[in-house]
């Protein structure tokens, strides 16, 4: 393997996405041959010893891509210092060290992608891709269309206004209203904070799809591997330019991906 930038190497080894890897490097947690690394440094994992927070970097694993139907009460992290339940607990049976692609807050549920492929994760989460994410939101009481204006006009979160979101009322009664929201950016607790700005009370928030990939009938707390076509469709949707050639493992068989074709 030729010399590659550390953040790319860490993402390929499933440590974190490239952006998170850059943070680890900036924090001085990454060393190459015992020397603290800097942003821009490169390494050859055939010869160099790379450690992250004192732990030696694992050898390359075959890429894994899956979807989890996240239940309420789980945080979207691999471990939690407060002892809360983590999504990593639900996917231990995979035997792979995978991490979440993006986030769902603790009280939200639904579709969460997980992988050990940093390039894939970055393609899905990068703000420039504007990959649509679909949510089904249950609100208390009867809600009128004019009350949903903050979704369409945007609200200020952390000093910056959100991009307009698409929103439609799916059903409405005196007791509750169900809306579908389509976001094209991933701001922190965006739907809940928009509802708060509109004076709406969220009873349930569930993500149902990311781009062309839908959760379907997957039971709460269960997971499954993405199909080769689902992985390819996500990469096509994000207009990932580089040639994708990643191995997908399922039932002991490897499927090779290419943006334009697949072969077994």
Protein backbone atom coordinates (compact mmCIF):
# COMPACT_ATOMS: atom_id res chain seq x y z
CA UNK A 1 0.00 0.00 0.00
CA UNK A 2 1.32 3.46 -0.89
CA UNK A 3 1.49 6.26 1.62
CA UNK A 4 -1.98 7.63 2.38
CA UNK A 5 -3.24 10.43 4.56
CA UNK A 6 -3.95 9.32 8.11
CA UNK A 7 -7.59 10.38 8.11
CA UNK A 8 -8.20 8.24 5.02
CA UNK A 9 -6.37 5.30 6.58
CA UNK A 10 -8.38 5.57 9.81
CA UNK A 11 -11.65 5.73 7.91
CA UNK A 12 -10.72 2.69 5.81
CA UNK A 13 -9.93 0.77 8.99
CA UNK A 14 -13.32 1.57 10.48
CA UNK A 15 -12.03 3.81 13.27
CA UNK A 16 -14.22 6.78 12.31
CA UNK A 17 -15.36 8.92 9.41
CA UNK A 18 -12.72 11.16 7.84
CA UNK A 19 -14.00 14.23 9.65
CA UNK A 20 -13.96 12.45 13.01
CA UNK A 21 -10.51 11.05 12.22
CA UNK A 22 -9.27 14.59 11.63
CA UNK A 23 -10.56 15.53 15.07
CA UNK A 24 -8.71 12.60 16.64
CA UNK A 25 -5.50 13.67 14.91
CA UNK A 26 -5.95 17.31 15.98
CA UNK A 27 -6.48 16.13 19.58
CA UNK A 28 -3.11 14.35 19.51
CA UNK A 29 -4.64 10.91 19.92
CA UNK A 30 -3.02 9.43 16.81
CA UNK A 31 0.63 8.37 16.66
CA UNK A 32 2.78 6.99 13.85
CA UNK A 33 5.76 4.93 15.01
CA UNK A 34 5.42 6.47 18.47
CA UNK A 35 5.34 10.09 17.25
CA UNK A 36 2.24 12.24 17.69
CA UNK A 37 0.76 12.81 14.23
CA UNK A 38 -0.35 16.07 12.69
CA UNK A 39 -3.05 16.83 10.13
CA UNK A 40 -1.66 16.13 6.68
CA UNK A 41 0.65 13.32 7.81
CA UNK A 42 0.74 10.09 5.83
CA UNK A 43 1.46 6.49 6.75
CA UNK A 44 2.01 3.09 5.19
CA UNK A 45 0.15 0.48 7.23
CA UNK A 46 2.45 -2.27 5.87
CA UNK A 47 5.47 -0.70 7.57
CA UNK A 48 4.31 1.99 9.99
CA UNK A 49 2.82 1.33 13.42
CA UNK A 50 -0.26 3.52 13.83
CA UNK A 51 -1.99 3.84 17.20
CA UNK A 52 -5.21 5.61 18.18
CA UNK A 53 -5.56 6.51 21.86
CA UNK A 54 -2.81 3.98 22.58
CA UNK A 55 -4.44 1.13 20.67
CA UNK A 56 -2.72 -0.30 17.61
CA UNK A 57 -4.66 0.09 14.39
CA UNK A 58 -6.30 -3.12 13.25
CA UNK A 59 -5.63 -4.63 9.88
CA UNK A 60 -8.10 -3.93 7.12
CA UNK A 61 -11.52 -5.54 7.44
CA UNK A 62 -13.94 -6.33 4.66
CA UNK A 63 -16.49 -3.50 4.43
CA UNK A 64 -19.85 -4.05 6.12
CA UNK A 65 -23.02 -2.06 5.43
CA UNK A 66 -26.22 -2.54 7.40
CA UNK A 67 -29.40 -0.85 8.55
CA UNK A 68 -30.71 -0.88 12.11
CA UNK A 69 -34.21 -0.03 13.26
CA UNK A 70 -33.07 1.98 16.28
CA UNK A 71 -35.41 1.84 19.28
CA UNK A 72 -36.09 4.72 21.62
CA UNK A 73 -33.77 5.02 24.58
CA UNK A 74 -30.54 4.17 22.72
CA UNK A 75 -27.82 6.73 22.06
CA UNK A 76 -26.14 6.75 18.66
CA UNK A 77 -22.63 6.04 19.89
CA UNK A 78 -20.39 3.00 20.32
CA UNK A 79 -20.01 3.60 24.07
CA UNK A 80 -21.40 6.03 26.61
CA UNK A 81 -19.67 7.36 29.71
CA UNK A 82 -23.05 7.78 31.45
CA UNK A 83 -23.86 4.10 31.08
CA UNK A 84 -26.75 4.61 28.70
CA UNK A 85 -27.71 1.95 26.17
CA UNK A 86 -25.79 2.29 22.87
CA UNK A 87 -26.69 1.16 19.36
CA UNK A 88 -23.46 -0.85 19.30
CA UNK A 89 -25.09 -3.25 21.77
CA UNK A 90 -27.72 -4.13 19.17
CA UNK A 91 -25.28 -5.11 16.40
CA UNK A 92 -22.70 -7.13 18.33
CA UNK A 93 -23.69 -10.25 16.40
CA UNK A 94 -22.15 -8.82 13.23
CA UNK A 95 -18.69 -9.53 14.62
CA UNK A 96 -17.43 -6.39 12.89
CA UNK A 97 -16.38 -3.07 14.36
CA UNK A 98 -18.92 -0.78 12.78
CA UNK A 99 -20.10 2.69 13.69
CA UNK A 100 -23.22 4.80 12.99
CA UNK A 101 -23.57 6.85 9.82
CA UNK A 102 -24.98 10.11 11.16
CA UNK A 103 -27.17 10.29 14.26
CA UNK A 104 -30.61 9.86 15.72
CA UNK A 105 -31.18 11.41 19.13
CA UNK A 106 -31.91 9.20 22.12
CA UNK A 107 -35.70 9.49 22.00
CA UNK A 108 -35.97 9.17 18.23
CA UNK A 109 -36.19 5.85 16.41
CA UNK A 110 -36.03 4.31 13.00
CA UNK A 111 -33.55 3.84 10.18
CA UNK A 112 -29.88 4.13 11.12
CA UNK A 113 -27.12 3.06 8.74
CA UNK A 114 -23.94 1.53 10.19
CA UNK A 115 -20.66 0.62 8.48
CA UNK A 116 -16.91 0.27 8.83
CA UNK A 117 -16.33 2.03 5.50
CA UNK A 118 -15.32 5.62 6.21
CA UNK A 119 -15.58 6.75 2.59
CA UNK A 120 -19.13 5.41 2.40
CA UNK A 121 -20.06 7.14 5.67
CA UNK A 122 -18.61 10.42 4.45
CA UNK A 123 -20.49 10.20 1.15
CA UNK A 124 -23.79 9.73 3.02
CA UNK A 125 -23.30 12.42 5.67
CA UNK A 126 -21.39 15.17 3.85
CA UNK A 127 -23.50 18.36 3.82
CA UNK A 128 -22.78 19.00 0.13
CA UNK A 129 -24.60 15.81 -0.91
CA UNK A 130 -28.06 16.96 0.31
CA UNK A 131 -29.18 13.35 0.57
CA UNK A 132 -32.89 13.42 1.52
CA UNK A 133 -33.91 11.82 4.81
CA UNK A 134 -37.54 10.97 5.48
CA UNK A 135 -39.24 11.15 8.88
CA UNK A 136 -42.69 10.27 10.18
CA UNK A 137 -43.55 12.57 13.09
CA UNK A 138 -46.55 12.24 15.42
CA UNK A 139 -47.65 15.50 17.06
CA UNK A 140 -50.08 16.09 19.90
CA UNK A 141 -53.45 17.53 18.92
CA UNK A 142 -54.81 18.75 15.61
CA UNK A 143 -52.28 20.70 13.58
CA UNK A 144 -53.08 23.05 10.71
CA UNK A 145 -50.86 23.57 7.69
CA UNK A 146 -50.02 27.16 8.65
CA UNK A 147 -48.46 25.88 11.89
CA UNK A 148 -45.87 24.02 9.81
CA UNK A 149 -44.49 27.18 8.19
CA UNK A 150 -41.25 27.09 10.27
CA UNK A 151 -40.29 23.86 8.47
CA UNK A 152 -40.62 25.55 5.10
CA UNK A 153 -39.05 28.86 6.07
CA UNK A 154 -36.34 27.44 8.33
CA UNK A 155 -35.42 28.24 11.92
CA UNK A 156 -32.19 29.45 13.48
CA UNK A 157 -30.18 26.65 15.13
CA UNK A 158 -26.81 27.43 16.69
CA UNK A 159 -26.73 30.82 14.99
CA UNK A 160 -27.50 29.58 11.48
CA UNK A 161 -30.83 29.19 9.70
CA UNK A 162 -31.85 25.74 8.54
CA UNK A 163 -32.51 24.97 4.90
CA UNK A 164 -36.19 24.69 3.91
CA UNK A 165 -37.70 21.27 4.56
CA UNK A 166 -40.61 19.58 2.83
CA UNK A 167 -43.54 18.74 5.08
CA UNK A 168 -46.99 17.28 4.48
CA UNK A 169 -49.82 16.28 6.80
CA UNK A 170 -50.44 12.54 6.54
CA UNK A 171 -53.41 12.38 8.91
CA UNK A 172 -55.01 14.67 11.47
CA UNK A 173 -57.52 14.29 14.30
CA UNK A 174 -58.33 16.11 17.52
CA UNK A 175 -55.92 13.87 19.45
CA UNK A 176 -52.94 13.70 17.13
CA UNK A 177 -51.49 14.69 13.78
CA UNK A 178 -48.98 12.72 11.71
CA UNK A 179 -46.69 14.57 9.34
CA UNK A 180 -43.94 13.48 6.97
CA UNK A 181 -40.82 15.65 6.93
CA UNK A 182 -38.05 15.48 4.32
CA UNK A 183 -34.72 17.00 5.35
CA UNK A 184 -31.72 17.61 3.12
CA UNK A 185 -29.36 18.66 5.86
CA UNK A 186 -28.54 17.07 9.20
CA UNK A 187 -28.64 19.75 11.90
CA UNK A 188 -28.66 18.75 15.56
CA UNK A 189 -32.21 17.78 16.67
CA UNK A 190 -33.53 19.80 13.73
CA UNK A 191 -37.07 18.42 13.65
CA UNK A 192 -37.59 18.64 17.41
CA UNK A 193 -36.21 22.16 17.56
CA UNK A 194 -38.34 23.27 14.61
CA UNK A 195 -41.42 21.81 16.30
CA UNK A 196 -40.49 23.61 19.49
CA UNK A 197 -40.22 26.90 17.58
CA UNK A 198 -43.68 26.23 16.11
CA UNK A 199 -45.19 25.38 19.51
CA UNK A 200 -45.79 21.74 18.53
CA UNK A 201 -45.34 18.78 20.88
CA UNK A 202 -43.63 15.72 19.43
CA UNK A 203 -45.03 12.38 20.57
CA UNK A 204 -43.02 10.16 18.26
CA UNK A 205 -40.25 10.74 15.73
CA UNK A 206 -39.21 7.95 13.39
CA UNK A 207 -36.85 8.01 10.38
CA UNK A 208 -38.24 5.84 7.61
CA UNK A 209 -35.82 6.29 4.70
CA UNK A 210 -32.45 7.68 3.65
CA UNK A 211 -32.32 8.55 -0.02
CA UNK A 212 -33.60 5.56 -1.99
CA UNK A 213 -33.21 3.12 0.93
CA UNK A 214 -36.34 2.47 2.98
CA UNK A 215 -36.56 0.65 6.31
CA UNK A 216 -39.69 -1.26 5.33
CA UNK A 217 -40.94 -3.90 7.76
CA UNK A 218 -37.73 -4.31 9.77
CA UNK A 219 -38.71 -4.78 13.42
CA UNK A 220 -37.65 -2.33 16.12
CA UNK A 221 -34.23 -3.33 17.45
CA UNK A 222 -33.45 -5.60 14.49
CA UNK A 223 -30.84 -5.08 11.78
CA UNK A 224 -30.04 -6.47 8.35
CA UNK A 225 -27.28 -6.13 5.77
CA UNK A 226 -27.91 -3.68 2.96
CA UNK A 227 -28.29 -5.37 -0.39
CA UNK A 228 -25.68 -4.66 -3.09
CA UNK A 229 -28.28 -2.67 -4.99
CA UNK A 230 -29.05 -0.53 -1.91
CA UNK A 231 -25.38 0.29 -1.40
CA UNK A 232 -24.95 1.15 -5.06
CA UNK A 233 -28.12 3.27 -5.12
CA UNK A 234 -26.91 5.33 -2.14
CA UNK A 235 -23.58 5.98 -3.83
CA UNK A 236 -25.27 6.95 -7.08
CA UNK A 237 -27.70 9.20 -5.20
CA UNK A 238 -24.81 11.06 -3.57
CA UNK A 239 -23.03 11.44 -6.93
CA UNK A 240 -19.91 9.86 -5.50
CA UNK A 241 -17.39 10.49 -8.24
CA UNK A 242 -14.61 8.04 -7.48
CA UNK A 243 -14.87 4.44 -8.62
CA UNK A 244 -16.30 2.31 -5.82
CA UNK A 245 -14.83 -1.16 -5.47
CA UNK A 246 -15.72 -2.40 -1.98
CA UNK A 247 -16.43 -5.95 -0.85
CA UNK A 248 -19.80 -6.65 0.69
CA UNK A 249 -20.03 -9.63 3.04
CA UNK A 250 -23.19 -11.60 3.59
CA UNK A 251 -23.58 -15.26 4.41
CA UNK A 252 -19.86 -15.75 3.89
CA UNK A 253 -19.90 -14.50 0.29
CA UNK A 254 -18.26 -11.38 -1.07
CA UNK A 255 -19.97 -9.19 -3.64
CA UNK A 256 -17.78 -6.64 -5.42
CA UNK A 257 -19.24 -3.20 -5.96
CA UNK A 258 -18.64 -0.89 -8.87
CA UNK A 259 -20.58 2.30 -9.55
CA UNK A 260 -21.70 1.03 -12.95
CA UNK A 261 -21.71 -2.73 -12.55
CA UNK A 262 -21.51 -5.51 -10.03
CA UNK A 263 -19.96 -8.92 -10.30
CA UNK A 264 -19.95 -11.94 -7.98
